[in-house]
């Protein structure tokens, strides 16, 4: 591994503050320092961070247009109007549709849902979707996780006598659609206290407001929090503030009493006997829900998520699992093809971005390929394929670089675009691809920092093995759920040695199972270094080396810790 290790030793002031806070709340100064770096400076803040309460959720009526949205929904129900729940085909969109549909279905029956087809309709609100609504006599569409840029489509719906309530979290343009209500904490005129909700999170806030207005107990919303947790983890939004409260309680729900649809996915992933974490959602649950919209149609994911019969759910989960296998094969082939193209690019070393266009690539997997390219080359990446006479695609970014702004800077070349800091979607005329590539590269070159384009491991603290006590581990656990803005801490220990029992493992002998000691204590620590078997020879020489790692639960020995080794360097390399 060719990583650069980045460690900023704490100032004396920070050391003193960490000691004081640690003493006050009874945790190690090492962990108290991590709290301070997250903006948690008092015992009261720490209590809220370690034990998030649902009572801390913000009043949903603080969100602009919320009272109008609730009034319009109440009116629709009072008039017995047909209501359509419309959402994007990704995890955030399908969980949002499932959540709103499941909740409202308990109180109202004239309701339907709709997920656009990625291939025939593309992203967001489509004319085809509005035509479907008009044909089925829908009078109100609640759109989730998209819609904020659908100015023309919503005007078209208005001509047909259909109102819209938009629940979105993507960055709006200056001109907003003429919807009855627009719920979006990123609106320029928003005064809502938290702007990083997922699309499903915005849908949840809408249902929370509807429940308050109609005298429905909050306890009727709690079973839906598992869907919110899945959306927050999968959409890679910050897990601090209100998202932390929602995800913390959503994970509790997911582990104790998940909905039937999610339970069937948990069983298929082999997660039923273990505590499900944000990582399990990101790598196992989310990709399966996503695969439905990538390979077939996202509507199948909603059908699964609202299913009430377990055997029917299991059948649907098996089908979705098949889509995921297909997705993996496509992903592998396309990533290999993409790598071959990148290898042949002239001047790769001097480039700060990667833009690839291949007419034959599968539209459902280009986002994943863009992610892979950013991981391999540490550059913002845009991957495009042909859809009719358009080049459409996905962009992904590296840590700290706003790819949405880079795309917005080329907006005159685009037909459509939308997204967030780290992920965006876009489409343009095929003829514009070369100019877009040039302009995107120019913007990235001018705005990216050198350290954002290299493999850097940011180390949170240098510790010895003797610091890793059972209490330290149990206090560290309280930092869960981890995610953006609250990343799992990476620790570094210098001068460690093989205990003599480390060995290469894995189907292709690619990992190392380690037993390590340092020279400050007699603790033997278990570790696993994925994909780092090339280091095994050095480790066996009995010379000392440095490791950086995260601290995990040992899945084989309950109550014990296992170090997940991120990187290994000979001690003399420092």
Protein backbone atom coordinates (compact mmCIF):
# COMPACT_ATOMS: atom_id res chain seq x y z
CA UNK A 1 0.00 0.00 0.00
CA UNK A 2 1.40 3.39 -0.95
CA UNK A 3 -0.40 5.53 1.56
CA UNK A 4 0.87 8.69 3.12
CA UNK A 5 0.13 8.84 6.83
CA UNK A 6 -1.09 12.17 8.10
CA UNK A 7 -0.99 12.81 11.84
CA UNK A 8 -1.31 16.23 13.45
CA UNK A 9 -0.11 16.04 17.09
CA UNK A 10 -2.58 17.82 19.40
CA UNK A 11 -1.69 21.24 20.79
CA UNK A 12 -1.02 21.55 24.53
CA UNK A 13 -4.31 23.43 24.81
CA UNK A 14 -6.23 20.53 23.23
CA UNK A 15 -4.43 17.99 25.46
CA UNK A 16 -5.46 19.93 28.58
CA UNK A 17 -9.07 20.35 27.38
CA UNK A 18 -9.27 16.60 26.58
CA UNK A 19 -7.96 15.69 30.04
CA UNK A 20 -10.55 17.96 31.68
CA UNK A 21 -13.49 16.70 29.58
CA UNK A 22 -12.34 13.07 29.95
CA UNK A 23 -12.21 13.43 33.71
CA UNK A 24 -15.64 15.09 33.82
CA UNK A 25 -17.40 12.36 31.84
CA UNK A 26 -15.21 9.42 32.87
CA UNK A 27 -13.57 8.49 29.58
CA UNK A 28 -9.98 8.30 28.33
CA UNK A 29 -8.42 11.67 27.28
CA UNK A 30 -7.71 10.01 23.90
CA UNK A 31 -11.44 9.59 23.28
CA UNK A 32 -12.26 12.97 24.87
CA UNK A 33 -9.98 14.57 22.25
CA UNK A 34 -12.03 12.89 19.51
CA UNK A 35 -15.21 14.40 21.03
CA UNK A 36 -13.67 17.87 21.10
CA UNK A 37 -12.70 17.52 17.44
CA UNK A 38 -16.35 16.77 16.69
CA UNK A 39 -17.43 20.00 18.36
CA UNK A 40 -18.57 18.26 21.55
CA UNK A 41 -17.19 20.39 24.36
CA UNK A 42 -19.37 19.78 27.44
CA UNK A 43 -20.72 16.87 29.49
CA UNK A 44 -24.25 17.74 28.27
CA UNK A 45 -23.11 17.63 24.61
CA UNK A 46 -21.38 14.29 25.23
CA UNK A 47 -24.52 12.84 26.81
CA UNK A 48 -26.57 13.89 23.76
CA UNK A 49 -23.93 12.46 21.41
CA UNK A 50 -23.61 9.10 23.19
CA UNK A 51 -27.34 8.69 23.92
CA UNK A 52 -29.32 10.41 21.15
CA UNK A 53 -33.00 10.87 22.10
CA UNK A 54 -35.94 11.00 19.70
CA UNK A 55 -37.21 13.95 21.74
CA UNK A 56 -34.24 15.92 20.30
CA UNK A 57 -35.65 15.77 16.75
CA UNK A 58 -36.45 19.24 15.46
CA UNK A 59 -40.03 20.48 15.15
CA UNK A 60 -40.92 19.55 11.54
CA UNK A 61 -42.97 22.75 11.20
CA UNK A 62 -39.71 24.73 11.31
CA UNK A 63 -39.23 23.57 7.71
CA UNK A 64 -40.39 26.07 5.10
CA UNK A 65 -43.76 25.14 3.50
CA UNK A 66 -44.39 22.29 5.99
CA UNK A 67 -47.74 23.72 7.15
CA UNK A 68 -48.81 24.16 3.49
CA UNK A 69 -47.76 20.56 2.69
CA UNK A 70 -49.73 19.12 5.62
CA UNK A 71 -52.77 21.26 4.78
CA UNK A 72 -52.70 20.12 1.10
CA UNK A 73 -52.42 16.44 2.13
CA UNK A 74 -55.27 16.80 4.63
CA UNK A 75 -57.33 18.48 1.92
CA UNK A 76 -56.63 15.62 -0.52
CA UNK A 77 -57.77 13.08 2.06
CA UNK A 78 -60.84 15.10 2.94
CA UNK A 79 -61.84 15.29 -0.73
CA UNK A 80 -60.98 11.60 -1.29
CA UNK A 81 -58.51 12.60 -4.04
CA UNK A 82 -56.17 10.00 -5.48
CA UNK A 83 -52.61 10.53 -4.15
CA UNK A 84 -49.45 9.24 -5.88
CA UNK A 85 -46.17 8.74 -3.98
CA UNK A 86 -43.38 9.24 -6.53
CA UNK A 87 -39.65 8.65 -5.92
CA UNK A 88 -36.20 8.12 -7.37
CA UNK A 89 -35.03 4.56 -8.19
CA UNK A 90 -32.04 4.50 -5.79
CA UNK A 91 -31.98 3.39 -2.12
CA UNK A 92 -32.86 6.85 -0.78
CA UNK A 93 -35.78 7.23 -3.20
CA UNK A 94 -37.23 3.74 -2.79
CA UNK A 95 -36.98 3.77 1.03
CA UNK A 96 -38.63 7.23 1.03
CA UNK A 97 -41.54 6.03 -1.12
CA UNK A 98 -41.93 2.90 1.03
CA UNK A 99 -41.92 4.98 4.24
CA UNK A 100 -44.53 7.55 3.14
CA UNK A 101 -46.71 4.93 1.44
CA UNK A 102 -46.63 2.55 4.44
CA UNK A 103 -47.47 5.31 6.90
CA UNK A 104 -50.31 6.92 4.93
CA UNK A 105 -51.79 3.58 3.91
CA UNK A 106 -52.83 3.06 7.55
CA UNK A 107 -55.17 6.07 7.33
CA UNK A 108 -56.07 6.38 3.65
CA UNK A 109 -56.68 3.89 0.86
CA UNK A 110 -56.89 5.98 -2.35
CA UNK A 111 -53.12 5.95 -2.73
CA UNK A 112 -50.60 4.59 -5.22
CA UNK A 113 -46.82 4.74 -5.78
CA UNK A 114 -44.57 5.18 -8.79
CA UNK A 115 -40.85 4.76 -9.51
CA UNK A 116 -39.60 5.96 -12.93
CA UNK A 117 -37.74 3.50 -15.12
CA UNK A 118 -34.04 4.39 -15.24
CA UNK A 119 -33.82 3.40 -18.92
CA UNK A 120 -37.08 4.65 -20.43
CA UNK A 121 -37.65 7.73 -18.28
CA UNK A 122 -34.35 8.62 -16.66
CA UNK A 123 -33.85 10.43 -13.37
CA UNK A 124 -36.50 12.49 -11.61
CA UNK A 125 -40.04 13.55 -12.50
CA UNK A 126 -40.92 12.34 -16.01
CA UNK A 127 -43.67 13.31 -18.44
CA UNK A 128 -44.49 9.59 -18.62
CA UNK A 129 -44.99 9.52 -14.84
CA UNK A 130 -47.29 12.54 -14.97
CA UNK A 131 -49.26 10.97 -17.82
CA UNK A 132 -49.68 7.83 -15.68
CA UNK A 133 -50.93 10.03 -12.83
CA UNK A 134 -53.42 11.82 -15.12
CA UNK A 135 -54.71 8.51 -16.54
CA UNK A 136 -55.28 7.12 -13.02
CA UNK A 137 -57.01 10.37 -11.93
CA UNK A 138 -54.35 11.42 -9.45
CA UNK A 139 -54.82 14.95 -8.08
CA UNK A 140 -51.78 15.14 -5.77
CA UNK A 141 -48.25 13.79 -6.28
CA UNK A 142 -45.85 13.64 -3.32
CA UNK A 143 -42.40 13.41 -4.89
CA UNK A 144 -39.44 12.20 -2.80
CA UNK A 145 -35.66 12.46 -3.28
CA UNK A 146 -36.06 14.34 -6.59
CA UNK A 147 -38.25 17.04 -8.13
CA UNK A 148 -36.40 20.19 -7.02
CA UNK A 149 -35.35 20.92 -10.63
CA UNK A 150 -38.47 19.60 -12.41
CA UNK A 151 -39.75 23.08 -13.37
CA UNK A 152 -41.15 22.12 -16.81
CA UNK A 153 -42.56 18.76 -15.75
CA UNK A 154 -44.39 20.23 -12.75
CA UNK A 155 -45.78 23.04 -14.95
CA UNK A 156 -47.04 20.30 -17.32
CA UNK A 157 -48.68 18.49 -14.38
CA UNK A 158 -50.38 21.74 -13.32
CA UNK A 159 -51.99 22.01 -16.78
CA UNK A 160 -53.46 18.57 -16.12
CA UNK A 161 -54.85 19.68 -12.75
CA UNK A 162 -52.25 17.79 -10.66
CA UNK A 163 -50.60 19.39 -7.61
CA UNK A 164 -47.12 18.52 -6.32
CA UNK A 165 -45.58 18.39 -2.87
CA UNK A 166 -41.78 18.15 -3.31
CA UNK A 167 -39.69 16.44 -0.59
CA UNK A 168 -36.10 16.74 -1.77
CA UNK A 169 -32.61 17.32 -0.37
CA UNK A 170 -30.65 18.09 -3.52
CA UNK A 171 -29.27 21.57 -4.16
CA UNK A 172 -32.00 23.74 -5.78
CA UNK A 173 -31.54 26.12 -8.70
CA UNK A 174 -32.53 29.79 -8.43
CA UNK A 175 -35.91 29.07 -10.03
CA UNK A 176 -38.09 26.64 -8.06
CA UNK A 177 -40.90 24.56 -9.56
CA UNK A 178 -44.48 25.84 -9.11
CA UNK A 179 -45.42 23.13 -6.61
CA UNK A 180 -48.05 23.48 -3.87
CA UNK A 181 -45.26 23.01 -1.30
CA UNK A 182 -41.47 22.50 -1.48
CA UNK A 183 -39.86 20.77 1.51
CA UNK A 184 -36.09 21.03 1.14
CA UNK A 185 -33.69 22.03 3.94
CA UNK A 186 -31.22 23.22 1.26
CA UNK A 187 -33.59 25.93 -0.05
CA UNK A 188 -31.86 29.31 -0.10
CA UNK A 189 -34.64 30.71 2.14
CA UNK A 190 -34.62 27.72 4.54
CA UNK A 191 -34.37 28.41 8.27
CA UNK A 192 -34.60 24.72 9.25
CA UNK A 193 -31.87 23.96 11.84
CA UNK A 194 -30.38 20.95 9.98
CA UNK A 195 -29.67 20.88 6.24
CA UNK A 196 -28.19 17.40 5.69
CA UNK A 197 -31.30 15.19 5.82
CA UNK A 198 -31.57 12.35 3.29
CA UNK A 199 -34.51 12.35 0.86
CA UNK A 200 -36.15 9.69 3.04
CA UNK A 201 -35.39 11.88 6.07
CA UNK A 202 -37.35 14.76 4.50
CA UNK A 203 -40.23 12.32 3.87
CA UNK A 204 -40.05 11.25 7.52
CA UNK A 205 -40.24 14.90 8.69
CA UNK A 206 -43.33 15.37 6.50
CA UNK A 207 -45.00 12.34 8.07
CA UNK A 208 -43.97 13.55 11.53
CA UNK A 209 -45.70 16.89 10.84
CA UNK A 210 -48.78 15.12 9.42
CA UNK A 211 -48.93 12.96 12.58
CA UNK A 212 -48.66 15.99 14.91
CA UNK A 213 -51.37 17.83 12.97
CA UNK A 214 -53.72 14.84 13.08
CA UNK A 215 -53.14 13.79 16.69
CA UNK A 216 -51.33 10.57 15.73
CA UNK A 217 -48.87 9.27 18.36
CA UNK A 218 -45.16 9.48 17.47
CA UNK A 219 -44.86 5.80 18.42
CA UNK A 220 -46.66 4.98 15.13
CA UNK A 221 -43.72 6.49 13.24
CA UNK A 222 -40.98 4.65 15.15
CA UNK A 223 -41.27 1.36 13.16
CA UNK A 224 -40.36 3.33 10.00
CA UNK A 225 -37.00 4.50 11.34
CA UNK A 226 -35.25 1.38 9.96
CA UNK A 227 -35.96 2.74 6.45
CA UNK A 228 -34.52 6.15 7.40
CA UNK A 229 -31.31 4.54 8.72
CA UNK A 230 -30.91 2.56 5.48
CA UNK A 231 -31.33 5.77 3.44
CA UNK A 232 -28.90 7.86 5.54
CA UNK A 233 -26.18 5.18 5.41
CA UNK A 234 -26.64 4.47 1.69
CA UNK A 235 -26.86 8.09 0.55
CA UNK A 236 -23.61 8.97 2.39
CA UNK A 237 -24.97 12.06 4.14
CA UNK A 238 -23.37 13.29 7.41
CA UNK A 239 -24.23 11.20 10.50
CA UNK A 240 -24.26 14.07 12.96
CA UNK A 241 -27.05 16.30 14.28
CA UNK A 242 -30.57 15.14 13.44
CA UNK A 243 -29.27 12.37 11.14
CA UNK A 244 -27.41 10.88 14.10
CA UNK A 245 -30.63 10.68 16.14
CA UNK A 246 -32.55 9.14 13.23
CA UNK A 247 -29.79 6.64 12.36
CA UNK A 248 -29.12 5.64 15.99
CA UNK A 249 -32.78 4.76 16.56
CA UNK A 250 -33.18 3.39 13.03
CA UNK A 251 -30.35 0.91 13.66
CA UNK A 252 -32.02 -0.10 16.93
CA UNK A 253 -35.21 -0.81 14.98
CA UNK A 254 -33.27 -2.66 12.27
CA UNK A 255 -31.62 -4.87 14.88
CA UNK A 256 -34.62 -5.53 17.12
CA UNK A 257 -37.73 -5.46 14.94
CA UNK A 258 -37.09 -4.69 11.25
CA UNK A 259 -39.94 -4.46 8.76
CA UNK A 260 -40.72 -7.70 6.91
CA UNK A 261 -39.11 -6.50 3.67
CA UNK A 262 -35.86 -5.46 5.33
CA UNK A 263 -35.85 -8.64 7.46
CA UNK A 264 -35.88 -10.73 4.28
CA UNK A 265 -32.86 -8.79 2.91
CA UNK A 266 -31.07 -9.17 6.26
CA UNK A 267 -31.60 -12.95 6.06
CA UNK A 268 -30.36 -13.13 2.45
CA UNK A 269 -27.21 -11.14 3.39
CA UNK A 270 -26.48 -13.52 6.29
CA UNK A 271 -26.77 -10.70 8.83
CA UNK A 272 -29.57 -12.12 10.98
CA UNK A 273 -27.34 -13.25 13.84
CA UNK A 274 -25.17 -10.14 14.17
CA UNK A 275 -25.53 -6.52 15.22
CA UNK A 276 -26.16 -4.60 12.00
CA UNK A 277 -23.99 -1.50 11.54
CA UNK A 278 -23.86 1.40 9.08
CA UNK A 279 -21.13 -0.57 7.24
CA UNK A 280 -23.49 -3.53 6.78
CA UNK A 281 -26.07 -1.23 5.22
CA UNK A 282 -23.50 0.42 2.93
CA UNK A 283 -21.91 -2.83 1.70
CA UNK A 284 -24.71 -5.41 1.94
CA UNK A 285 -28.27 -4.12 2.39
CA UNK A 286 -28.08 -0.93 0.29
CA UNK A 287 -26.49 -2.47 -2.83
CA UNK A 288 -29.24 -5.11 -3.00
CA UNK A 289 -32.03 -2.51 -2.81
CA UNK A 290 -30.16 -0.43 -5.39
CA UNK A 291 -29.66 -3.38 -7.75
CA UNK A 292 -33.38 -3.48 -8.47
CA UNK A 293 -33.35 0.00 -10.07
CA UNK A 294 -29.99 -0.63 -11.73
CA UNK A 295 -30.86 -3.89 -13.44
CA UNK A 296 -34.64 -4.03 -13.61
CA UNK A 297 -37.00 -1.46 -12.09
CA UNK A 298 -36.85 0.29 -8.71
CA UNK A 299 -40.57 -0.41 -8.26
CA UNK A 300 -39.64 -3.96 -7.28
CA UNK A 301 -37.58 -2.61 -4.38
CA UNK A 302 -40.62 -0.69 -3.09
CA UNK A 303 -42.81 -3.79 -3.47
CA UNK A 304 -40.34 -5.66 -1.29
CA UNK A 305 -40.03 -2.88 1.32
CA UNK A 306 -43.82 -2.62 1.82
CA UNK A 307 -44.47 -6.39 1.70
CA UNK A 308 -46.45 -7.72 4.70
CA UNK A 309 -46.04 -11.45 4.12
CA UNK A 310 -42.63 -12.91 4.99
CA UNK A 311 -42.55 -15.79 2.50
CA UNK A 312 -43.55 -13.44 -0.34
CA UNK A 313 -40.86 -10.98 0.85
CA UNK A 314 -38.23 -13.74 0.85
CA UNK A 315 -39.12 -14.61 -2.74
CA UNK A 316 -38.75 -10.96 -3.78
CA UNK A 317 -35.49 -10.62 -1.81
CA UNK A 318 -34.08 -13.65 -3.66
CA UNK A 319 -34.98 -12.01 -6.98
CA UNK A 320 -33.29 -8.76 -5.91
CA UNK A 321 -30.25 -10.76 -4.79
CA UNK A 322 -30.04 -12.16 -8.34
CA UNK A 323 -30.07 -8.62 -9.73
CA UNK A 324 -27.22 -7.83 -7.36
CA UNK A 325 -25.16 -10.74 -8.70
CA UNK A 326 -25.78 -9.49 -12.27
CA UNK A 327 -24.81 -5.98 -11.12
CA UNK A 328 -21.54 -7.31 -9.64
CA UNK A 329 -20.61 -9.00 -12.93
CA UNK A 330 -21.37 -5.86 -14.95
CA UNK A 331 -19.52 -3.72 -12.44
CA UNK A 332 -16.41 -5.95 -12.62
CA UNK A 333 -16.34 -5.99 -16.44
CA UNK A 334 -16.96 -2.26 -16.79
CA UNK A 335 -14.39 -1.33 -14.13
CA UNK A 336 -11.78 -3.43 -15.98
CA UNK A 337 -12.70 -1.72 -19.27
CA UNK A 338 -12.55 1.70 -17.57
CA UNK A 339 -9.13 0.94 -16.08
CA UNK A 340 -7.83 -0.08 -19.51
CA UNK A 341 -9.01 3.25 -20.97
CA UNK A 342 -7.49 5.24 -18.08
CA UNK A 343 -4.16 3.41 -18.50
CA UNK A 344 -4.04 4.62 -22.11
CA UNK A 345 -4.92 8.24 -21.30
CA UNK A 346 -2.18 10.66 -22.23
CA UNK A 347 -0.65 12.61 -19.37
CA UNK A 348 -2.57 10.81 -16.61
CA UNK A 349 -0.03 11.94 -14.01
CA UNK A 350 -0.75 15.59 -14.71
CA UNK A 351 -4.52 15.20 -14.92
CA UNK A 352 -6.60 16.10 -11.90
CA UNK A 353 -9.87 14.47 -13.07
CA UNK A 354 -11.11 11.51 -15.10
CA UNK A 355 -13.98 11.76 -17.61
CA UNK A 356 -14.85 8.60 -19.57
CA UNK A 357 -17.54 8.10 -22.23
CA UNK A 358 -18.45 4.71 -23.64
CA UNK A 359 -21.69 4.31 -25.61
CA UNK A 360 -22.09 0.65 -24.70
CA UNK A 361 -21.79 0.83 -20.94
CA UNK A 362 -24.74 -0.23 -18.80
CA UNK A 363 -26.50 2.86 -17.47
CA UNK A 364 -27.35 1.19 -14.17
CA UNK A 365 -23.74 0.63 -13.10
CA UNK A 366 -21.89 3.78 -14.19
CA UNK A 367 -22.20 5.39 -10.74
CA UNK A 368 -20.44 2.40 -9.17
CA UNK A 369 -17.69 2.50 -11.81
CA UNK A 370 -17.18 6.24 -11.11
CA UNK A 371 -16.81 5.39 -7.40
CA UNK A 372 -14.26 2.69 -8.19
CA UNK A 373 -12.20 5.11 -10.32
CA UNK A 374 -12.07 7.72 -7.53
CA UNK A 375 -10.91 5.00 -5.13
CA UNK A 376 -8.17 3.76 -7.49
CA UNK A 377 -6.86 7.07 -8.90
CA UNK A 378 -7.83 9.62 -6.19
CA UNK A 379 -9.37 11.92 -8.77
CA UNK A 380 -12.96 13.19 -9.19
CA UNK A 381 -14.46 10.93 -11.88
CA UNK A 382 -17.32 11.28 -14.38
CA UNK A 383 -18.48 8.17 -16.24
CA UNK A 384 -20.87 8.62 -19.18
CA UNK A 385 -22.82 6.30 -21.44
CA UNK A 386 -25.18 6.91 -24.36
CA UNK A 387 -28.93 7.11 -23.84
CA UNK A 388 -30.76 7.90 -27.13
CA UNK A 389 -28.88 10.97 -28.44
CA UNK A 390 -27.61 12.02 -25.01
CA UNK A 391 -24.53 11.25 -22.95
CA UNK A 392 -25.77 10.63 -19.42
CA UNK A 393 -23.72 9.71 -16.42
CA UNK A 394 -22.63 9.92 -12.84
CA UNK A 395 -19.89 11.81 -11.04
CA UNK A 396 -18.14 10.87 -7.80
CA UNK A 397 -15.61 12.83 -5.78
CA UNK A 398 -12.64 12.52 -3.49
CA UNK A 399 -12.63 13.64 0.12
CA UNK A 400 -13.19 17.37 0.56
CA UNK A 401 -13.79 18.26 -3.11
CA UNK A 402 -17.25 19.51 -4.21
CA UNK A 403 -17.93 17.75 -7.52
CA UNK A 404 -21.41 19.32 -7.75
CA UNK A 405 -19.82 22.80 -8.00
CA UNK A 406 -17.40 21.54 -10.66
CA UNK A 407 -20.33 20.27 -12.76
CA UNK A 408 -22.39 23.42 -12.13
CA UNK A 409 -19.47 25.41 -13.53
CA UNK A 410 -20.08 23.63 -16.88
CA UNK A 411 -23.87 24.00 -16.75
CA UNK A 412 -24.10 25.78 -20.15
CA UNK A 413 -22.95 22.50 -21.75
CA UNK A 414 -25.51 20.37 -19.88
CA UNK A 415 -29.14 19.47 -20.45
CA UNK A 416 -29.64 18.37 -16.86
CA UNK A 417 -27.70 17.90 -13.65
CA UNK A 418 -28.24 17.49 -9.91
CA UNK A 419 -26.68 16.06 -6.77
CA UNK A 420 -24.50 16.77 -3.75
CA UNK A 421 -20.89 17.46 -2.84
CA UNK A 422 -19.68 13.89 -3.43
CA UNK A 423 -22.11 12.46 -5.99
CA UNK A 424 -24.00 13.93 -8.92
CA UNK A 425 -25.85 12.96 -12.08
CA UNK A 426 -25.69 14.80 -15.42
CA UNK A 427 -26.67 14.62 -19.08
CA UNK A 428 -25.50 16.51 -22.17
CA UNK A 429 -25.52 16.30 -25.96
CA UNK A 430 -22.92 13.78 -27.11
CA UNK A 431 -21.16 16.54 -29.09
CA UNK A 432 -20.50 18.43 -25.84
CA UNK A 433 -18.52 15.62 -24.17
CA UNK A 434 -15.03 16.75 -25.36
CA UNK A 435 -15.62 20.38 -24.27
CA UNK A 436 -17.11 19.23 -20.96
CA UNK A 437 -14.03 17.04 -20.37
CA UNK A 438 -11.73 20.03 -21.00
CA UNK A 439 -13.72 22.47 -18.83
CA UNK A 440 -14.26 20.01 -15.99
CA UNK A 441 -10.52 19.25 -15.89
CA UNK A 442 -9.71 22.98 -15.88
CA UNK A 443 -12.07 23.67 -12.96
CA UNK A 444 -10.79 20.69 -10.94
CA UNK A 445 -7.14 21.66 -11.57
CA UNK A 446 -7.81 25.20 -10.33
CA UNK A 447 -9.76 24.17 -7.23
CA UNK A 448 -8.49 20.83 -5.93
CA UNK A 449 -5.78 20.68 -3.26
CA UNK A 450 -2.70 18.47 -3.89
CA UNK A 451 -3.43 16.34 -0.80
CA UNK A 452 -6.92 15.53 -2.14
CA UNK A 453 -5.41 13.63 -5.09
CA UNK A 454 -3.19 11.22 -3.18
CA UNK A 455 -3.79 8.28 -0.89
CA UNK A 456 -3.67 9.77 2.58
CA UNK A 457 -4.64 8.03 5.82
CA UNK A 458 -5.64 10.59 8.43
CA UNK A 459 -4.62 9.28 11.85
CA UNK A 460 -6.73 10.42 14.81
CA UNK A 461 -4.43 9.36 17.66
CA UNK A 462 -1.14 7.57 18.36
CA UNK A 463 -1.71 4.98 21.10
CA UNK A 464 -0.08 1.94 22.69
CA UNK A 465 -1.75 -1.44 23.04
CA UNK A 466 -2.03 -0.91 26.79
CA UNK A 467 -4.48 1.96 26.05
CA UNK A 468 -6.94 -0.50 24.47
CA UNK A 469 -8.70 -1.64 27.63
CA UNK A 470 -12.22 -3.16 27.73
CA UNK A 471 -13.49 0.22 29.03
CA UNK A 472 -11.74 2.08 26.18
CA UNK A 473 -13.38 -0.26 23.68
CA UNK A 474 -16.83 0.05 25.22
CA UNK A 475 -16.55 3.88 25.30
CA UNK A 476 -15.39 3.88 21.67
CA UNK A 477 -18.48 1.83 20.75
CA UNK A 478 -20.65 4.72 21.97
CA UNK A 479 -19.34 6.81 19.04
CA UNK A 480 -21.51 4.64 16.77
CA UNK A 481 -23.14 5.09 14.31
CA UNK A 482 -20.09 6.08 12.27
CA UNK A 483 -20.30 7.84 8.93
CA UNK A 484 -19.45 11.15 7.23
CA UNK A 485 -18.53 13.86 9.80
CA UNK A 486 -18.16 11.11 12.41
CA UNK A 487 -15.75 8.70 10.73
CA UNK A 488 -14.47 5.63 12.54
CA UNK A 489 -11.26 6.76 14.31
CA UNK A 490 -7.97 5.51 12.89
CA UNK A 491 -5.28 4.81 15.49
CA UNK A 492 -1.56 4.33 15.02
CA UNK A 493 0.82 2.22 17.12
CA UNK A 494 4.59 2.34 16.56
CA UNK A 495 7.12 -0.47 17.02
CA UNK A 496 4.92 -3.55 17.03
CA UNK A 497 6.14 -7.11 16.42
CA UNK A 498 4.70 -10.35 15.19
CA UNK A 499 3.99 -12.59 18.17
CA UNK A 500 5.18 -15.48 16.00
CA UNK A 501 1.77 -16.76 14.99
CA UNK A 502 0.71 -14.39 12.17
CA UNK A 503 -0.24 -16.11 8.91
CA UNK A 504 -1.47 -15.47 5.39
CA UNK A 505 -5.16 -16.38 4.88
CA UNK A 506 -7.93 -16.05 2.29
CA UNK A 507 -9.02 -17.94 -0.78
CA UNK A 508 -6.19 -16.40 -2.78
CA UNK A 509 -3.84 -15.97 0.20
CA UNK A 510 -4.39 -12.21 -0.03
CA UNK A 511 -4.95 -11.29 3.65
CA UNK A 512 -2.86 -11.56 6.83
CA UNK A 513 -4.25 -12.74 10.15
CA UNK A 514 -2.05 -11.12 12.77
CA UNK A 515 -1.14 -11.63 16.40
CA UNK A 516 0.87 -8.64 17.57
CA UNK A 517 2.67 -7.26 20.60
CA UNK A 518 4.22 -3.86 21.27
CA UNK A 519 7.11 -3.09 23.61
CA UNK A 520 4.99 -1.22 26.18
CA UNK A 521 2.72 -4.03 27.38
CA UNK A 522 2.19 -7.77 27.34
CA UNK A 523 -1.13 -7.54 25.50
CA UNK A 524 -1.34 -9.80 22.45
CA UNK A 525 -3.62 -8.09 19.93
CA UNK A 526 -5.49 -9.89 17.15
CA UNK A 527 -5.61 -8.14 13.81
CA UNK A 528 -6.64 -8.63 10.21
CA UNK A 529 -4.96 -6.88 7.24
CA UNK A 530 -7.16 -7.27 4.16
CA UNK A 531 -5.36 -7.42 0.82
CA UNK A 532 -1.92 -6.82 2.36
CA UNK A 533 -0.30 -10.26 2.14
CA UNK A 534 2.70 -8.66 0.38
CA UNK A 535 3.74 -7.40 3.83
CA UNK A 536 3.86 -10.90 5.34
CA UNK A 537 7.52 -11.50 4.50
CA UNK A 538 8.66 -8.36 6.33
CA UNK A 539 6.46 -9.13 9.34
CA UNK A 540 8.08 -12.55 9.67
CA UNK A 541 11.59 -11.03 9.89
CA UNK A 542 10.88 -10.18 13.56
CA UNK A 543 11.75 -6.53 12.89
CA UNK A 544 9.44 -3.85 14.26
CA UNK A 545 6.83 -2.10 12.15
CA UNK A 546 4.16 0.59 12.57
CA UNK A 547 0.46 0.01 11.98
CA UNK A 548 -2.57 2.21 11.54
CA UNK A 549 -5.94 0.59 12.18
CA UNK A 550 -9.52 0.79 13.36
CA UNK A 551 -10.69 -1.07 16.46
CA UNK A 552 -13.49 -3.55 15.77
CA UNK A 553 -15.45 -6.17 17.68
CA UNK A 554 -13.92 -9.62 17.25
CA UNK A 555 -16.76 -11.50 15.57
CA UNK A 556 -15.29 -14.88 16.59
CA UNK A 557 -14.54 -14.08 20.25
CA UNK A 558 -17.35 -12.11 21.87
CA UNK A 559 -16.17 -9.23 24.04
CA UNK A 560 -12.68 -9.16 22.50
CA UNK A 561 -11.32 -6.62 20.06
CA UNK A 562 -9.77 -7.08 16.66
CA UNK A 563 -7.62 -4.49 14.92
CA UNK A 564 -8.54 -3.92 11.28
CA UNK A 565 -5.19 -2.91 9.82
CA UNK A 566 -5.39 -0.12 7.23
CA UNK A 567 -1.65 0.02 6.51
CA UNK A 568 1.72 -1.38 7.64
CA UNK A 569 5.15 0.31 7.40
CA UNK A 570 8.58 -0.77 8.63
CA UNK A 571 9.39 1.35 11.72
CA UNK A 572 12.60 2.70 10.20
CA UNK A 573 10.59 4.26 7.32
CA UNK A 574 9.36 7.01 9.61
